[in-house]
């Protein structure tokens, strides 16, 4: 089975998940009116889940899928 993701893609997606979970942790900090949980944490969550993780899906993997080289000779033509 052909896998179009490379190791770099998996690392970027995992980094996005870690950033998103860290943002969720920041949201859970007490007290409720904590400036970090009110102002910083939502942007950290958005950064992880809406910027970094999709970047992991969109960056080129560097792994070639099915590479079919074109022959300089036309089909049916002899060398």
N, C-alpha and C. Protein backbone atom coordinates (compact mmCIF):
# COMPACT_ATOMS: atom_id res chain seq x y z
N UNK A 1 0.85 -1.17 0.00
CA UNK A 1 0.00 0.00 0.00
C UNK A 1 0.89 1.23 0.00
N UNK A 2 0.53 2.21 -0.81
CA UNK A 2 1.33 3.41 -0.94
C UNK A 2 0.95 4.41 0.14
N UNK A 3 1.93 4.91 0.85
CA UNK A 3 1.71 5.89 1.90
C UNK A 3 2.30 7.21 1.43
N UNK A 4 1.46 8.23 1.32
CA UNK A 4 1.94 9.50 0.80
C UNK A 4 2.48 10.42 1.89
N UNK A 5 2.45 9.99 3.13
CA UNK A 5 3.00 10.79 4.22
C UNK A 5 4.40 10.29 4.54
N UNK A 6 5.29 11.25 4.79
CA UNK A 6 6.63 10.90 5.22
C UNK A 6 6.77 11.12 6.72
N UNK A 7 7.92 10.85 7.26
CA UNK A 7 8.13 11.04 8.70
C UNK A 7 7.95 12.50 9.13
N UNK A 8 8.33 13.41 8.24
CA UNK A 8 8.19 14.83 8.58
C UNK A 8 6.72 15.21 8.74
N UNK A 9 5.85 14.66 7.89
CA UNK A 9 4.42 14.94 7.99
C UNK A 9 3.87 14.46 9.33
N UNK A 10 4.25 13.26 9.72
CA UNK A 10 3.76 12.73 11.00
C UNK A 10 4.26 13.56 12.17
N UNK A 11 5.49 14.03 12.10
CA UNK A 11 6.03 14.84 13.19
C UNK A 11 5.30 16.18 13.30
N UNK A 12 4.98 16.80 12.18
CA UNK A 12 4.29 18.09 12.21
C UNK A 12 2.86 17.92 12.73
N UNK A 13 2.18 16.87 12.31
CA UNK A 13 0.83 16.61 12.80
C UNK A 13 0.87 16.32 14.30
N UNK A 14 1.83 15.54 14.75
CA UNK A 14 1.96 15.25 16.19
C UNK A 14 2.29 16.52 16.97
N UNK A 15 3.13 17.39 16.40
CA UNK A 15 3.44 18.66 17.07
C UNK A 15 2.19 19.51 17.18
N UNK A 16 1.36 19.54 16.15
CA UNK A 16 0.11 20.28 16.21
C UNK A 16 -0.81 19.75 17.29
N UNK A 17 -0.87 18.43 17.43
CA UNK A 17 -1.70 17.84 18.47
C UNK A 17 -1.18 18.20 19.86
N UNK A 18 0.14 18.16 20.02
CA UNK A 18 0.73 18.51 21.32
C UNK A 18 0.45 19.99 21.65
N UNK A 19 0.58 20.87 20.67
CA UNK A 19 0.30 22.29 20.89
C UNK A 19 -1.18 22.48 21.24
N UNK A 20 -2.06 21.76 20.54
CA UNK A 20 -3.48 21.86 20.84
C UNK A 20 -3.81 21.37 22.24
N UNK A 21 -3.23 20.24 22.64
CA UNK A 21 -3.47 19.73 23.99
C UNK A 21 -2.89 20.66 25.05
N UNK A 22 -1.76 21.30 24.74
CA UNK A 22 -1.20 22.27 25.69
C UNK A 22 -2.14 23.46 25.84
N UNK A 23 -2.73 23.88 24.74
CA UNK A 23 -3.73 24.96 24.82
C UNK A 23 -4.93 24.57 25.65
N UNK A 24 -5.36 23.32 25.51
CA UNK A 24 -6.48 22.85 26.34
C UNK A 24 -6.09 22.80 27.81
N UNK A 25 -4.85 22.44 28.08
CA UNK A 25 -4.37 22.47 29.46
C UNK A 25 -4.39 23.90 30.00
N UNK A 26 -3.94 24.85 29.17
CA UNK A 26 -3.96 26.25 29.61
C UNK A 26 -5.39 26.74 29.86
N UNK A 27 -6.34 26.23 29.09
CA UNK A 27 -7.74 26.60 29.31
C UNK A 27 -8.25 26.10 30.66
N UNK A 28 -7.69 25.02 31.14
CA UNK A 28 -8.19 24.43 32.38
C UNK A 28 -7.59 25.03 33.64
N UNK A 29 -6.67 25.97 33.49
CA UNK A 29 -6.02 26.54 34.66
C UNK A 29 -7.01 27.36 35.50
N UNK A 30 -6.91 27.23 36.80
CA UNK A 30 -7.75 27.99 37.72
C UNK A 30 -6.99 29.26 38.12
N UNK A 31 -7.59 30.28 38.53
CA UNK A 31 -9.02 30.57 38.63
C UNK A 31 -9.63 30.83 37.25
N UNK A 32 -10.94 30.96 37.24
CA UNK A 32 -11.66 31.08 35.97
C UNK A 32 -11.28 32.36 35.24
N UNK A 33 -11.01 33.42 35.95
CA UNK A 33 -10.68 34.70 35.31
C UNK A 33 -9.18 34.89 35.11
N UNK A 34 -8.45 33.80 35.01
CA UNK A 34 -7.02 33.82 34.77
C UNK A 34 -6.76 34.41 33.37
N UNK A 35 -5.91 35.42 33.23
CA UNK A 35 -5.67 36.02 31.92
C UNK A 35 -5.09 35.04 30.90
N UNK A 36 -4.31 34.08 31.38
CA UNK A 36 -3.75 33.10 30.44
C UNK A 36 -4.85 32.21 29.87
N UNK A 37 -5.75 31.75 30.73
CA UNK A 37 -6.80 30.87 30.23
C UNK A 37 -7.85 31.62 29.43
N UNK A 38 -7.98 32.91 29.63
CA UNK A 38 -8.96 33.68 28.89
C UNK A 38 -8.42 34.24 27.57
N UNK A 39 -7.16 34.66 27.55
CA UNK A 39 -6.63 35.38 26.39
C UNK A 39 -5.64 34.59 25.56
N UNK A 40 -4.78 33.81 26.18
CA UNK A 40 -3.70 33.14 25.47
C UNK A 40 -4.12 31.75 24.99
N UNK A 41 -4.76 31.00 25.86
CA UNK A 41 -5.06 29.60 25.58
C UNK A 41 -5.93 29.38 24.34
N UNK A 42 -6.97 30.18 24.08
CA UNK A 42 -7.74 29.94 22.86
C UNK A 42 -6.90 30.08 21.59
N UNK A 43 -5.97 31.01 21.59
CA UNK A 43 -5.11 31.19 20.42
C UNK A 43 -4.11 30.05 20.28
N UNK A 44 -3.67 29.49 21.40
CA UNK A 44 -2.76 28.34 21.35
C UNK A 44 -3.49 27.13 20.77
N UNK A 45 -4.74 26.93 21.19
CA UNK A 45 -5.53 25.82 20.67
C UNK A 45 -5.74 25.98 19.17
N UNK A 46 -6.11 27.18 18.75
CA UNK A 46 -6.31 27.44 17.32
C UNK A 46 -5.02 27.27 16.53
N UNK A 47 -3.93 27.71 17.09
CA UNK A 47 -2.64 27.55 16.43
C UNK A 47 -2.33 26.08 16.20
N UNK A 48 -2.55 25.27 17.20
CA UNK A 48 -2.23 23.84 17.09
C UNK A 48 -3.13 23.11 16.12
N UNK A 49 -4.46 23.36 16.25
CA UNK A 49 -5.41 22.57 15.48
C UNK A 49 -5.74 23.15 14.11
N UNK A 50 -5.60 24.45 13.92
CA UNK A 50 -6.00 25.05 12.64
C UNK A 50 -4.83 25.54 11.80
N UNK A 51 -3.63 25.55 12.36
CA UNK A 51 -2.47 26.01 11.59
C UNK A 51 -1.43 24.90 11.46
N UNK A 52 -0.96 24.37 12.57
CA UNK A 52 0.15 23.42 12.54
C UNK A 52 -0.29 22.06 12.00
N UNK A 53 -1.41 21.52 12.49
CA UNK A 53 -1.85 20.21 12.00
C UNK A 53 -2.18 20.22 10.50
N UNK A 54 -2.93 21.19 9.99
CA UNK A 54 -3.15 21.21 8.54
C UNK A 54 -1.87 21.40 7.74
N UNK A 55 -0.91 22.11 8.32
CA UNK A 55 0.38 22.25 7.63
C UNK A 55 1.05 20.88 7.48
N UNK A 56 0.86 20.01 8.45
CA UNK A 56 1.41 18.66 8.35
C UNK A 56 0.76 17.86 7.24
N UNK A 57 -0.50 18.17 6.94
CA UNK A 57 -1.17 17.48 5.84
C UNK A 57 -0.79 18.08 4.48
N UNK A 58 -0.45 19.36 4.47
CA UNK A 58 -0.24 20.05 3.20
C UNK A 58 1.20 20.10 2.72
N UNK A 59 2.17 19.99 3.63
CA UNK A 59 3.56 20.07 3.19
C UNK A 59 3.92 18.83 2.38
N UNK A 60 4.78 18.99 1.40
CA UNK A 60 5.19 17.81 0.62
C UNK A 60 5.96 16.83 1.49
N UNK A 61 5.74 15.57 1.25
CA UNK A 61 6.33 14.56 2.12
C UNK A 61 7.77 14.25 1.76
N UNK A 62 8.13 14.45 0.52
CA UNK A 62 9.47 14.09 0.08
C UNK A 62 9.57 12.62 -0.29
N UNK A 63 8.49 11.88 -0.05
CA UNK A 63 8.45 10.47 -0.43
C UNK A 63 7.71 10.39 -1.75
N UNK A 64 8.37 9.84 -2.74
CA UNK A 64 7.71 9.75 -4.04
C UNK A 64 6.75 8.58 -4.02
N UNK A 65 5.56 8.82 -4.52
CA UNK A 65 4.55 7.77 -4.56
C UNK A 65 4.87 6.77 -5.65
N UNK A 66 4.22 6.87 -6.75
CA UNK A 66 4.51 5.99 -7.87
C UNK A 66 5.21 6.83 -8.92
N UNK A 67 6.46 6.62 -9.07
CA UNK A 67 7.21 7.40 -10.05
C UNK A 67 7.34 6.59 -11.33
N UNK A 68 6.69 7.06 -12.33
CA UNK A 68 6.75 6.41 -13.63
C UNK A 68 7.53 7.34 -14.54
N UNK A 69 8.67 6.88 -14.99
CA UNK A 69 9.49 7.70 -15.87
C UNK A 69 9.00 7.51 -17.31
N UNK A 70 8.93 8.63 -18.00
CA UNK A 70 8.52 8.54 -19.39
C UNK A 70 9.70 8.08 -20.23
N UNK A 71 9.40 7.21 -21.13
CA UNK A 71 10.42 6.69 -22.00
C UNK A 71 10.62 7.65 -23.17
N UNK A 72 11.87 7.90 -23.56
CA UNK A 72 12.09 8.78 -24.71
C UNK A 72 11.67 8.13 -26.02
N UNK A 73 11.39 6.84 -25.97
CA UNK A 73 10.99 6.11 -27.17
C UNK A 73 9.47 5.94 -27.16
N UNK A 74 8.84 6.24 -28.26
CA UNK A 74 7.40 6.09 -28.37
C UNK A 74 7.03 4.61 -28.35
N UNK A 75 5.82 4.29 -27.87
CA UNK A 75 5.41 2.89 -27.86
C UNK A 75 5.36 2.33 -29.28
N UNK A 76 5.88 1.14 -29.43
CA UNK A 76 5.91 0.50 -30.74
C UNK A 76 7.12 0.88 -31.57
N UNK A 77 7.90 1.82 -31.11
CA UNK A 77 9.09 2.25 -31.85
C UNK A 77 10.30 1.50 -31.31
N UNK A 78 11.18 1.08 -32.22
CA UNK A 78 12.36 0.34 -31.80
C UNK A 78 13.50 1.29 -31.52
N UNK A 79 14.38 0.84 -30.63
CA UNK A 79 15.55 1.63 -30.29
C UNK A 79 16.47 1.64 -31.41
